[in-house]
N, C-alpha and C. Protein backbone atom coordinates (compact mmCIF):
# COMPACT_ATOMS: atom_id res chain seq x y z
N MET A 1 -17.26 -35.67 8.16
CA MET A 1 -17.90 -34.36 8.12
C MET A 1 -17.00 -33.27 8.67
N ASN A 2 -15.98 -33.64 9.42
CA ASN A 2 -15.09 -32.63 9.99
C ASN A 2 -14.21 -31.98 8.93
N SER A 3 -13.95 -32.69 7.83
CA SER A 3 -13.03 -32.15 6.82
C SER A 3 -13.63 -30.92 6.13
N ILE A 4 -14.95 -30.85 6.01
CA ILE A 4 -15.57 -29.72 5.32
C ILE A 4 -15.39 -28.42 6.11
N PRO A 5 -15.73 -28.38 7.40
CA PRO A 5 -15.48 -27.14 8.16
C PRO A 5 -14.01 -26.76 8.21
N GLU A 6 -13.13 -27.73 8.30
CA GLU A 6 -11.70 -27.42 8.34
C GLU A 6 -11.27 -26.76 7.03
N ARG A 7 -11.74 -27.30 5.91
CA ARG A 7 -11.39 -26.70 4.63
C ARG A 7 -11.89 -25.27 4.54
N SER A 8 -13.14 -25.05 4.94
CA SER A 8 -13.71 -23.71 4.85
C SER A 8 -12.98 -22.77 5.80
N CYS A 9 -12.57 -23.28 6.96
CA CYS A 9 -11.84 -22.45 7.92
C CYS A 9 -10.51 -22.02 7.34
N TRP A 10 -9.78 -22.97 6.74
CA TRP A 10 -8.50 -22.63 6.12
C TRP A 10 -8.71 -21.69 4.95
N GLY A 11 -9.81 -21.87 4.23
CA GLY A 11 -10.10 -20.98 3.11
C GLY A 11 -10.31 -19.55 3.60
N VAL A 12 -11.04 -19.40 4.70
CA VAL A 12 -11.28 -18.07 5.28
C VAL A 12 -9.97 -17.47 5.75
N ALA A 13 -9.14 -18.29 6.42
CA ALA A 13 -7.84 -17.79 6.91
C ALA A 13 -6.97 -17.35 5.75
N ARG A 14 -6.98 -18.14 4.67
CA ARG A 14 -6.17 -17.80 3.50
C ARG A 14 -6.63 -16.48 2.90
N TRP A 15 -7.95 -16.30 2.79
CA TRP A 15 -8.48 -15.04 2.24
C TRP A 15 -8.18 -13.87 3.16
N ALA A 16 -8.22 -14.10 4.48
CA ALA A 16 -7.93 -13.03 5.43
C ALA A 16 -6.48 -12.58 5.30
N VAL A 17 -5.57 -13.55 5.19
CA VAL A 17 -4.15 -13.22 5.03
C VAL A 17 -3.93 -12.49 3.71
N ALA A 18 -4.55 -12.98 2.65
CA ALA A 18 -4.41 -12.34 1.34
C ALA A 18 -4.93 -10.91 1.37
N ALA A 19 -6.08 -10.70 2.02
CA ALA A 19 -6.66 -9.36 2.10
C ALA A 19 -5.76 -8.44 2.92
N PHE A 20 -5.19 -8.97 4.02
CA PHE A 20 -4.31 -8.16 4.85
C PHE A 20 -3.06 -7.74 4.07
N LEU A 21 -2.46 -8.70 3.37
CA LEU A 21 -1.26 -8.39 2.59
C LEU A 21 -1.59 -7.40 1.47
N ALA A 22 -2.74 -7.56 0.85
CA ALA A 22 -3.15 -6.63 -0.21
C ALA A 22 -3.34 -5.23 0.38
N GLY A 23 -3.94 -5.15 1.56
CA GLY A 23 -4.14 -3.87 2.20
C GLY A 23 -2.83 -3.19 2.54
N VAL A 24 -1.90 -3.97 3.07
CA VAL A 24 -0.58 -3.41 3.40
C VAL A 24 0.11 -2.94 2.13
N ALA A 25 0.01 -3.72 1.05
CA ALA A 25 0.63 -3.34 -0.21
C ALA A 25 0.00 -2.05 -0.75
N MET A 26 -1.31 -1.92 -0.64
CA MET A 26 -1.99 -0.71 -1.12
C MET A 26 -1.52 0.50 -0.32
N VAL A 27 -1.47 0.37 1.00
CA VAL A 27 -1.02 1.47 1.85
C VAL A 27 0.42 1.84 1.50
N TYR A 28 1.25 0.82 1.29
CA TYR A 28 2.66 1.08 0.98
C TYR A 28 2.79 1.79 -0.36
N LEU A 29 2.04 1.33 -1.36
CA LEU A 29 2.15 1.90 -2.69
C LEU A 29 1.62 3.34 -2.73
N PHE A 30 0.49 3.58 -2.08
CA PHE A 30 -0.16 4.89 -2.19
C PHE A 30 0.28 5.87 -1.12
N GLY A 31 0.67 5.36 0.06
CA GLY A 31 0.97 6.26 1.16
C GLY A 31 2.44 6.29 1.56
N GLY A 32 3.20 5.33 1.08
CA GLY A 32 4.60 5.28 1.48
C GLY A 32 4.78 4.56 2.80
N PHE A 33 6.03 4.45 3.23
CA PHE A 33 6.34 3.65 4.42
C PHE A 33 5.78 4.28 5.68
N GLN A 34 5.79 5.61 5.77
CA GLN A 34 5.28 6.27 6.98
C GLN A 34 3.81 5.96 7.20
N ALA A 35 3.01 5.98 6.14
CA ALA A 35 1.59 5.67 6.26
C ALA A 35 1.41 4.22 6.70
N ALA A 36 2.23 3.31 6.16
CA ALA A 36 2.14 1.90 6.54
C ALA A 36 2.49 1.74 8.02
N GLN A 37 3.47 2.50 8.48
CA GLN A 37 3.88 2.41 9.87
C GLN A 37 2.76 2.93 10.79
N VAL A 38 2.12 4.01 10.40
CA VAL A 38 1.01 4.56 11.18
C VAL A 38 -0.15 3.57 11.20
N ALA A 39 -0.46 2.96 10.04
CA ALA A 39 -1.56 1.99 9.97
C ALA A 39 -1.24 0.79 10.85
N THR A 40 0.00 0.34 10.85
CA THR A 40 0.39 -0.80 11.68
C THR A 40 0.21 -0.47 13.16
N LYS A 41 0.61 0.75 13.55
CA LYS A 41 0.45 1.14 14.95
C LYS A 41 -1.04 1.23 15.32
N ALA A 42 -1.87 1.72 14.39
CA ALA A 42 -3.30 1.85 14.66
C ALA A 42 -3.93 0.46 14.83
N VAL A 43 -3.53 -0.48 13.98
CA VAL A 43 -4.09 -1.83 14.07
C VAL A 43 -3.59 -2.53 15.32
N ALA A 44 -2.30 -2.35 15.64
CA ALA A 44 -1.71 -3.03 16.79
C ALA A 44 -2.25 -2.44 18.10
N GLY A 45 -2.67 -1.22 18.05
CA GLY A 45 -3.21 -0.59 19.26
C GLY A 45 -2.15 0.22 19.93
């Protein structure tokens, strides 16, 4: 029974990474590098 939660956990992590990369790509494409740098600073704190 442990394999099912592990699979779902990895699935969530994979989707989270994919969404993050997609978000960074969108910011880069639409806002340029400066916007991406500002967004990174805002997320990092």
